[in-house]
Amino acid sequence: MTGAIKFREAVHLAHKYNDISYMDTWRDEYPNGLVDVNDERFFPITDFDAYDNAWDSMTQSTREEIDKRYEEELV
């Protein structure tokens, strides 16, 4: 399972159980963030409230595109 998929799972579990420790655990496991397909390093938002605010501010099409990318990684 890639770091991006683990991140998505941590976010899902954090929301499901209202427990930010899942995101904290992910951040501790990936202190150097992730590397995208262009070999650029990035750091997903691991603050629970900041993540929610960022997600809620996105358009529906942007959220769908993100979900699609995570699904493709599972293949």
C-alpha atoms as a PDB file:
ATOM      1  CA  MET A   1       0.000   0.000   0.000  1.00  0.00           C
ATOM      2  CA  THR A   2       1.465   3.333  -1.003  1.00  0.00           C
ATOM      3  CA  GLY A   3       1.840   6.283   1.308  1.00  0.00           C
ATOM      4  CA  ALA A   4      -0.920   8.151  -0.530  1.00  0.00           C
ATOM      5  CA  ILE A   5      -3.350   5.290  -0.056  1.00  0.00           C
ATOM      6  CA  LYS A   6      -2.357   4.996   3.589  1.00  0.00           C
ATOM      7  CA  PHE A   7      -2.987   8.729   3.942  1.00  0.00           C
ATOM      8  CA  ARG A   8      -6.461   8.395   2.452  1.00  0.00           C
ATOM      9  CA  GLU A   9      -7.175   5.484   4.797  1.00  0.00           C
ATOM     10  CA  ALA A  10      -5.950   7.510   7.795  1.00  0.00           C
ATOM     11  CA  VAL A  11      -8.263  10.370   6.850  1.00  0.00           C
ATOM     12  CA  HIS A  12     -11.183   7.973   6.426  1.00  0.00           C
ATOM     13  CA  LEU A  13     -10.588   6.365   9.823  1.00  0.00           C
ATOM     14  CA  ALA A  14     -10.078   9.748  11.498  1.00  0.00           C
ATOM     15  CA  HIS A  15     -13.473  10.855  10.221  1.00  0.00           C
ATOM     16  CA  LYS A  16     -15.190   7.554  10.935  1.00  0.00           C
ATOM     17  CA  TYR A  17     -14.037   7.369  14.546  1.00  0.00           C
ATOM     18  CA  ASN A  18     -13.586  11.121  15.120  1.00  0.00           C
ATOM     19  CA  ASP A  19     -10.025  10.372  16.200  1.00  0.00           C
ATOM     20  CA  ILE A  20      -7.107  12.400  14.841  1.00  0.00           C
ATOM     21  CA  SER A  21      -4.552   9.860  16.039  1.00  0.00           C
ATOM     22  CA  TYR A  22      -4.864   8.050  12.678  1.00  0.00           C
ATOM     23  CA  MET A  23      -3.576  11.125  10.869  1.00  0.00           C
ATOM     24  CA  ASP A  24      -0.903  11.667  13.531  1.00  0.00           C
ATOM     25  CA  THR A  25       0.296   8.082  13.049  1.00  0.00           C
ATOM     26  CA  TRP A  26       0.486   8.573   9.282  1.00  0.00           C
ATOM     27  CA  ARG A  27       2.477  11.807   9.721  1.00  0.00           C
ATOM     28  CA  ASP A  28       4.916  10.022  12.043  1.00  0.00           C
ATOM     29  CA  GLU A  29       5.349   7.187   9.520  1.00  0.00           C
ATOM     30  CA  TYR A  30       5.933   9.593   6.607  1.00  0.00           C
ATOM     31  CA  PRO A  31       7.866  12.549   8.111  1.00  0.00           C
ATOM     32  CA  ASN A  32       9.334  13.356   4.686  1.00  0.00           C
ATOM     33  CA  GLY A  33       5.945  13.520   2.998  1.00  0.00           C
ATOM     34  CA  LEU A  34       5.284  11.877  -0.345  1.00  0.00           C
ATOM     35  CA  VAL A  35       6.824  12.020  -3.793  1.00  0.00           C
ATOM     36  CA  ASP A  36       4.453  12.494  -6.717  1.00  0.00           C
ATOM     37  CA  VAL A  37       4.763  11.114 -10.246  1.00  0.00           C
ATOM     38  CA  ASN A  38       6.963  14.094 -11.202  1.00  0.00           C
ATOM     39  CA  ASP A  39       9.406  13.272  -8.376  1.00  0.00           C
ATOM     40  CA  GLU A  40       8.288  16.348  -6.463  1.00  0.00           C
ATOM     41  CA  ARG A  41       7.902  16.077  -2.689  1.00  0.00           C
ATOM     42  CA  PHE A  42       4.690  17.239  -1.055  1.00  0.00           C
ATOM     43  CA  PHE A  43       3.169  17.102   2.390  1.00  0.00           C
ATOM     44  CA  PRO A  44      -0.543  16.291   2.690  1.00  0.00           C
ATOM     45  CA  ILE A  45      -2.521  18.239   5.266  1.00  0.00           C
ATOM     46  CA  THR A  46      -2.446  16.163   8.443  1.00  0.00           C
ATOM     47  CA  ASP A  47      -4.266  18.619  10.690  1.00  0.00           C
ATOM     48  CA  PHE A  48      -7.820  17.248  10.974  1.00  0.00           C
ATOM     49  CA  ASP A  49      -9.660  20.603  10.909  1.00  0.00           C
ATOM     50  CA  ALA A  50      -7.430  22.082   8.205  1.00  0.00           C
ATOM     51  CA  TYR A  51      -8.010  18.972   6.062  1.00  0.00           C
ATOM     52  CA  ASP A  52     -11.778  19.273   6.473  1.00  0.00           C
ATOM     53  CA  ASN A  53     -11.692  22.959   5.603  1.00  0.00           C
ATOM     54  CA  ALA A  54      -9.550  22.348   2.514  1.00  0.00           C
ATOM     55  CA  TRP A  55     -11.746  19.454   1.342  1.00  0.00           C
ATOM     56  CA  ASP A  56     -14.959  21.416   1.890  1.00  0.00           C
ATOM     57  CA  SER A  57     -13.599  24.393  -0.050  1.00  0.00           C
ATOM     58  CA  MET A  58     -12.922  22.258  -3.162  1.00  0.00           C
ATOM     59  CA  THR A  59     -15.396  21.986  -5.978  1.00  0.00           C
ATOM     60  CA  GLN A  60     -17.212  18.695  -6.436  1.00  0.00           C
ATOM     61  CA  SER A  61     -15.281  17.990  -9.644  1.00  0.00           C
ATOM     62  CA  THR A  62     -11.948  18.485  -7.854  1.00  0.00           C
ATOM     63  CA  ARG A  63     -12.973  16.098  -5.067  1.00  0.00           C
ATOM     64  CA  GLU A  64     -14.038  13.535  -7.675  1.00  0.00           C
ATOM     65  CA  GLU A  65     -10.688  13.853  -9.475  1.00  0.00           C
ATOM     66  CA  ILE A  66      -8.802  13.272  -6.233  1.00  0.00           C
ATOM     67  CA  ASP A  67     -10.949  10.228  -5.444  1.00  0.00           C
ATOM     68  CA  LYS A  68     -10.337   8.896  -8.955  1.00  0.00           C
ATOM     69  CA  ARG A  69      -6.550   9.201  -8.562  1.00  0.00           C
ATOM     70  CA  TYR A  70      -6.613   7.278  -5.274  1.00  0.00           C
ATOM     71  CA  GLU A  71      -8.774   4.565  -6.823  1.00  0.00           C
ATOM     72  CA  GLU A  72      -6.318   4.221  -9.724  1.00  0.00           C
ATOM     73  CA  GLU A  73      -3.467   3.715  -7.279  1.00  0.00           C
ATOM     74  CA  LEU A  74      -5.256   0.678  -5.869  1.00  0.00           C
ATOM     75  CA  VAL A  75      -5.205  -1.088  -9.236  1.00  0.00           C
END
